[in-house]
Amino acid sequence: MRLSKNICNIYMTRTRKQKKIILTKSKFRSPTSLSIFPERSPQLQDKEPNVLNSFTTKNISVNNKSGQQWNTVENNKLAYKRSARGSPAGSYPKINYGPVVERLTKQNYKKLNKGSELYYDRGSVVFRGPFTYHKTLRGPALLFTASDIGYKQNDYKFVLPVNKLKTEVLYLDTGKKSLRPIHKKKRKVKRNTTKRNTAKRNTAKRNTTKRNTAKRNTAKRNTTKRNTAKRSKN
């Protein structure tokens, strides 16, 4: 029995040593890249469509054609607000508003037309987009295209099933501009003022002409009276 126990102990120690050697070899492998952390950037496909989610849209463009970007929606309008560095929480600068939007759902996804623009809220600092809608596939599923942040701005295809619109937040640009109401002055007021001014001028002219004519008439009468008086004396 003693021999069997010794044999078992030797076998256990050998297996433990082998396990330790295997673990150490697996831990200290040669690095494949210069970075210590593993690469987590999405590798998007050029020809085939990619699934639209928060991971695949990591490197999608943020700015639209006019260079604007959005991070919230207020009063059904795209907006951008961000507190300055060092400012207390909750204090925001002047808010920049964008076009009127509507959240995409199962009920209203049929409103999409070819070329309509959408913005994707992936829970990050800024919305991703704009995504351009092309068509609906079987499923139903929505087919979009968007460009990346890179210098070349390559266009990629994305697919989103309609069933996932509950979790994935997309905002449809309705095309309506969010402008503040401008109160224009009525032209009637201007016309009334001009009429009043012209009437005043006309009355002033009439009064002056009347006064001048009255003065002339009185002067003529006085002269005629003087002349008649002189003649009668002579």
Protein backbone atom coordinates (compact mmCIF):
# COMPACT_ATOMS: atom_id res chain seq x y z
CA MET A 1 0.00 0.00 0.00
CA ARG A 2 2.86 2.35 0.67
CA LEU A 3 4.16 1.94 -2.87
CA SER A 4 0.79 2.79 -4.38
CA LYS A 5 0.52 5.99 -2.30
CA ASN A 6 3.97 7.12 -3.38
CA ILE A 7 3.15 6.47 -7.03
CA CYS A 8 -0.05 8.52 -6.75
CA ASN A 9 1.79 11.42 -5.14
CA ILE A 10 4.42 11.44 -7.90
CA TYR A 11 1.73 11.40 -10.62
CA MET A 12 -0.18 14.29 -8.99
CA THR A 13 2.91 16.44 -8.70
CA ARG A 14 3.79 15.82 -12.36
CA THR A 15 0.30 16.76 -13.54
CA ARG A 16 0.35 19.92 -11.43
CA LYS A 17 3.68 20.94 -12.87
CA GLN A 18 2.42 20.33 -16.40
CA LYS A 19 -0.67 22.47 -15.74
CA LYS A 20 1.48 25.29 -14.38
CA ILE A 21 3.75 25.16 -17.44
CA ILE A 22 0.75 25.26 -19.82
CA LEU A 23 -0.79 28.22 -18.00
CA THR A 24 2.45 30.19 -18.05
CA LYS A 25 2.91 29.55 -21.77
CA SER A 26 -0.61 30.73 -22.56
CA LYS A 27 -0.25 33.91 -20.47
CA PHE A 28 3.07 35.10 -21.89
CA ARG A 29 2.48 34.91 -25.62
CA SER A 30 4.21 37.25 -28.04
CA PRO A 31 2.17 40.40 -28.72
CA THR A 32 0.50 40.65 -32.13
CA SER A 33 0.24 44.47 -32.05
CA LEU A 34 1.89 47.43 -30.39
CA SER A 35 -1.10 48.12 -28.13
CA ILE A 36 -1.47 46.21 -24.86
CA PHE A 37 -5.29 46.19 -24.95
CA PRO A 38 -7.18 44.09 -27.53
CA GLU A 39 -8.58 45.89 -30.55
CA ARG A 40 -12.31 46.54 -30.18
CA SER A 41 -13.03 48.69 -33.23
CA PRO A 42 -15.73 47.28 -35.53
CA GLN A 43 -14.62 45.84 -38.86
CA LEU A 44 -17.43 46.92 -41.21
CA GLN A 45 -18.16 45.18 -44.49
CA ASP A 46 -18.17 47.23 -47.67
CA LYS A 47 -20.54 45.30 -49.95
CA GLU A 48 -22.72 43.29 -47.57
CA PRO A 49 -24.96 45.13 -45.06
CA ASN A 50 -24.00 45.31 -41.37
CA VAL A 51 -26.33 44.98 -38.40
CA LEU A 52 -27.15 48.39 -36.94
CA ASN A 53 -26.32 48.54 -33.23
CA SER A 54 -24.24 50.56 -30.78
CA PHE A 55 -21.03 48.63 -31.59
CA THR A 56 -21.13 48.78 -35.40
CA THR A 57 -21.97 52.52 -35.40
CA LYS A 58 -18.97 53.45 -33.27
CA ASN A 59 -16.99 55.03 -36.13
CA ILE A 60 -19.94 56.47 -38.07
CA SER A 61 -19.97 60.18 -38.88
CA VAL A 62 -21.37 62.68 -36.38
CA ASN A 63 -21.72 65.91 -38.37
CA ASN A 64 -24.28 66.60 -41.07
CA LYS A 65 -23.67 68.51 -44.33
CA SER A 66 -23.62 71.88 -42.58
CA GLY A 67 -21.21 70.63 -39.87
CA GLN A 68 -23.79 70.49 -37.08
CA GLN A 69 -24.13 67.73 -34.50
CA TRP A 70 -26.86 66.82 -32.00
CA ASN A 71 -27.00 65.09 -28.64
CA THR A 72 -30.58 65.56 -27.35
CA VAL A 73 -34.16 66.03 -28.47
CA GLU A 74 -36.26 68.79 -26.89
CA ASN A 75 -39.81 69.70 -27.90
CA ASN A 76 -39.59 67.27 -30.84
CA LYS A 77 -36.51 69.12 -32.16
CA LEU A 78 -32.90 68.06 -32.48
CA ALA A 79 -30.72 70.08 -30.13
CA TYR A 80 -27.13 70.35 -28.99
CA LYS A 81 -26.28 71.39 -25.46
CA ARG A 82 -23.20 70.70 -23.43
CA SER A 83 -21.93 72.37 -20.29
CA ALA A 84 -18.57 74.12 -20.44
CA ARG A 85 -15.52 72.86 -18.58
CA GLY A 86 -15.55 73.69 -14.89
CA SER A 87 -19.19 74.72 -14.86
CA PRO A 88 -21.55 73.20 -12.27
CA ALA A 89 -23.78 70.29 -13.23
CA GLY A 90 -27.05 71.26 -14.85
CA SER A 91 -25.86 74.63 -16.18
CA TYR A 92 -26.01 74.65 -19.97
CA PRO A 93 -24.99 77.34 -22.47
CA LYS A 94 -27.12 78.58 -25.33
CA ILE A 95 -28.93 75.62 -26.92
CA ASN A 96 -28.67 75.16 -30.68
CA TYR A 97 -31.89 73.77 -32.14
CA GLY A 98 -32.19 71.77 -35.35
CA PRO A 99 -35.00 70.40 -37.51
CA VAL A 100 -38.18 68.78 -36.22
CA VAL A 101 -37.87 65.02 -35.69
CA GLU A 102 -40.07 62.05 -34.85
CA ARG A 103 -39.02 58.82 -33.18
CA LEU A 104 -39.21 55.80 -35.50
CA THR A 105 -41.51 53.00 -34.30
CA LYS A 106 -43.41 50.02 -35.67
CA GLN A 107 -46.45 52.20 -36.24
CA ASN A 108 -44.80 54.97 -38.29
CA TYR A 109 -41.90 53.28 -40.12
CA LYS A 110 -44.01 53.16 -43.30
CA LYS A 111 -43.71 56.96 -43.52
CA LEU A 112 -40.09 56.54 -44.63
CA ASN A 113 -39.32 57.64 -48.17
CA LYS A 114 -36.21 56.94 -50.19
CA GLY A 115 -33.57 59.48 -49.20
CA SER A 116 -35.07 60.45 -45.84
CA GLU A 117 -32.49 61.13 -43.12
CA LEU A 118 -32.38 59.64 -39.62
CA TYR A 119 -30.19 60.03 -36.52
CA TYR A 120 -29.23 57.19 -34.17
CA ASP A 121 -28.96 57.57 -30.40
CA ARG A 122 -26.45 54.93 -29.31
CA GLY A 123 -26.19 56.24 -25.73
CA SER A 124 -22.94 58.15 -26.33
CA VAL A 125 -22.10 61.84 -26.17
CA VAL A 126 -23.36 62.66 -29.69
CA PHE A 127 -25.89 61.15 -32.07
CA ARG A 128 -24.63 59.18 -35.07
CA GLY A 129 -25.75 60.10 -38.53
CA PRO A 130 -27.34 61.11 -40.70
CA PHE A 131 -28.41 57.69 -41.98
CA THR A 132 -30.17 57.68 -45.36
CA TYR A 133 -33.06 55.28 -45.89
CA HIS A 134 -33.17 53.22 -49.12
CA LYS A 135 -35.80 50.47 -48.88
CA THR A 136 -37.51 47.86 -46.70
CA LEU A 137 -36.38 44.26 -46.98
CA ARG A 138 -38.20 41.07 -46.10
CA GLY A 139 -38.73 40.53 -42.43
CA PRO A 140 -39.50 43.47 -42.45
CA ALA A 141 -36.08 45.10 -42.12
CA LEU A 142 -34.89 48.62 -42.94
CA LEU A 143 -31.85 49.26 -45.13
CA PHE A 144 -29.75 52.37 -44.41
CA THR A 145 -26.44 53.82 -45.54
CA ALA A 146 -24.02 56.06 -43.64
CA SER A 147 -20.46 57.32 -43.97
CA ASP A 148 -17.63 56.88 -41.48
CA ILE A 149 -15.58 59.49 -39.65
CA GLY A 150 -12.46 58.83 -41.73
CA TYR A 151 -10.93 61.12 -44.32
CA LYS A 152 -12.24 59.11 -47.30
CA GLN A 153 -15.76 58.88 -45.79
CA ASN A 154 -16.64 55.46 -47.11
CA ASP A 155 -20.34 54.58 -47.26
CA TYR A 156 -21.55 51.45 -45.44
CA LYS A 157 -24.85 49.60 -45.49
CA PHE A 158 -26.79 48.85 -42.31
CA VAL A 159 -29.84 46.68 -41.65
CA LEU A 160 -32.23 47.00 -38.73
CA PRO A 161 -35.23 44.71 -38.18
CA VAL A 162 -38.44 46.53 -37.38
CA ASN A 163 -38.87 44.43 -34.22
CA LYS A 164 -35.76 46.07 -32.71
CA LEU A 165 -37.16 49.59 -32.92
CA LYS A 166 -38.29 49.23 -29.28
CA THR A 167 -34.69 49.15 -28.04
CA GLU A 168 -32.85 51.00 -30.82
CA VAL A 169 -33.65 54.72 -30.82
CA LEU A 170 -33.83 56.34 -34.27
CA TYR A 171 -35.13 59.86 -34.98
CA LEU A 172 -36.66 60.66 -38.37
CA ASP A 173 -36.01 64.12 -39.81
CA THR A 174 -39.45 65.30 -40.95
CA GLY A 175 -37.97 68.12 -43.06
CA LYS A 176 -39.72 70.88 -41.13
CA LYS A 177 -37.53 73.77 -40.06
CA SER A 178 -37.72 74.89 -36.43
CA LEU A 179 -37.80 78.68 -36.80
CA ARG A 180 -38.96 81.15 -34.20
CA PRO A 181 -42.13 83.06 -35.18
CA ILE A 182 -41.23 86.47 -36.62
CA HIS A 183 -43.79 89.19 -35.94
CA LYS A 184 -43.95 91.36 -39.03
CA LYS A 185 -45.25 94.91 -38.86
CA LYS A 186 -48.45 95.53 -40.72
CA ARG A 187 -48.30 97.73 -43.76
CA LYS A 188 -51.57 99.39 -42.84
CA VAL A 189 -49.89 101.20 -39.97
CA LYS A 190 -47.29 102.64 -42.32
CA ARG A 191 -49.95 103.74 -44.77
CA ASN A 192 -51.92 105.45 -42.02
CA THR A 193 -48.86 107.34 -40.86
CA THR A 194 -48.06 108.50 -44.39
CA LYS A 195 -51.65 109.59 -44.93
CA ARG A 196 -51.60 111.57 -41.72
CA ASN A 197 -48.35 113.27 -42.64
CA THR A 198 -49.59 114.20 -46.13
CA ALA A 199 -52.86 115.53 -44.69
CA LYS A 200 -50.96 117.68 -42.20
CA ARG A 201 -48.73 119.04 -44.95
CA ASN A 202 -51.69 119.86 -47.18
CA THR A 203 -53.54 121.66 -44.37
CA ALA A 204 -50.39 123.61 -43.49
CA LYS A 205 -49.97 124.66 -47.13
CA ARG A 206 -53.62 125.72 -47.35
CA ASN A 207 -53.37 127.75 -44.17
CA THR A 208 -50.22 129.49 -45.35
CA THR A 209 -51.77 130.32 -48.72
CA LYS A 210 -54.88 131.67 -47.03
CA ARG A 211 -52.80 133.85 -44.70
CA ASN A 212 -50.69 135.14 -47.57
CA THR A 213 -53.75 135.99 -49.66
CA ALA A 214 -55.40 137.73 -46.70
CA LYS A 215 -52.27 139.81 -46.09
CA ARG A 216 -52.09 140.76 -49.77
CA ASN A 217 -55.74 141.77 -49.86
CA THR A 218 -55.40 143.91 -46.73
CA ALA A 219 -52.28 145.57 -48.13
CA LYS A 220 -54.07 146.38 -51.40
CA ARG A 221 -57.05 147.85 -49.53
CA ASN A 222 -54.84 150.03 -47.39
CA THR A 223 -52.98 151.34 -50.41
CA THR A 224 -56.20 152.12 -52.26
CA LYS A 225 -57.58 154.01 -49.22
CA ARG A 226 -54.43 156.11 -48.90
CA ASN A 227 -54.44 156.97 -52.57
CA THR A 228 -58.11 158.04 -52.46
CA ALA A 229 -57.46 160.20 -49.41
CA LYS A 230 -54.57 162.01 -51.10
CA ARG A 231 -56.59 162.66 -54.20
CA SER A 232 -59.51 164.10 -52.23
CA LYS A 233 -57.20 166.56 -50.45
CA ASN A 234 -55.72 167.73 -53.67
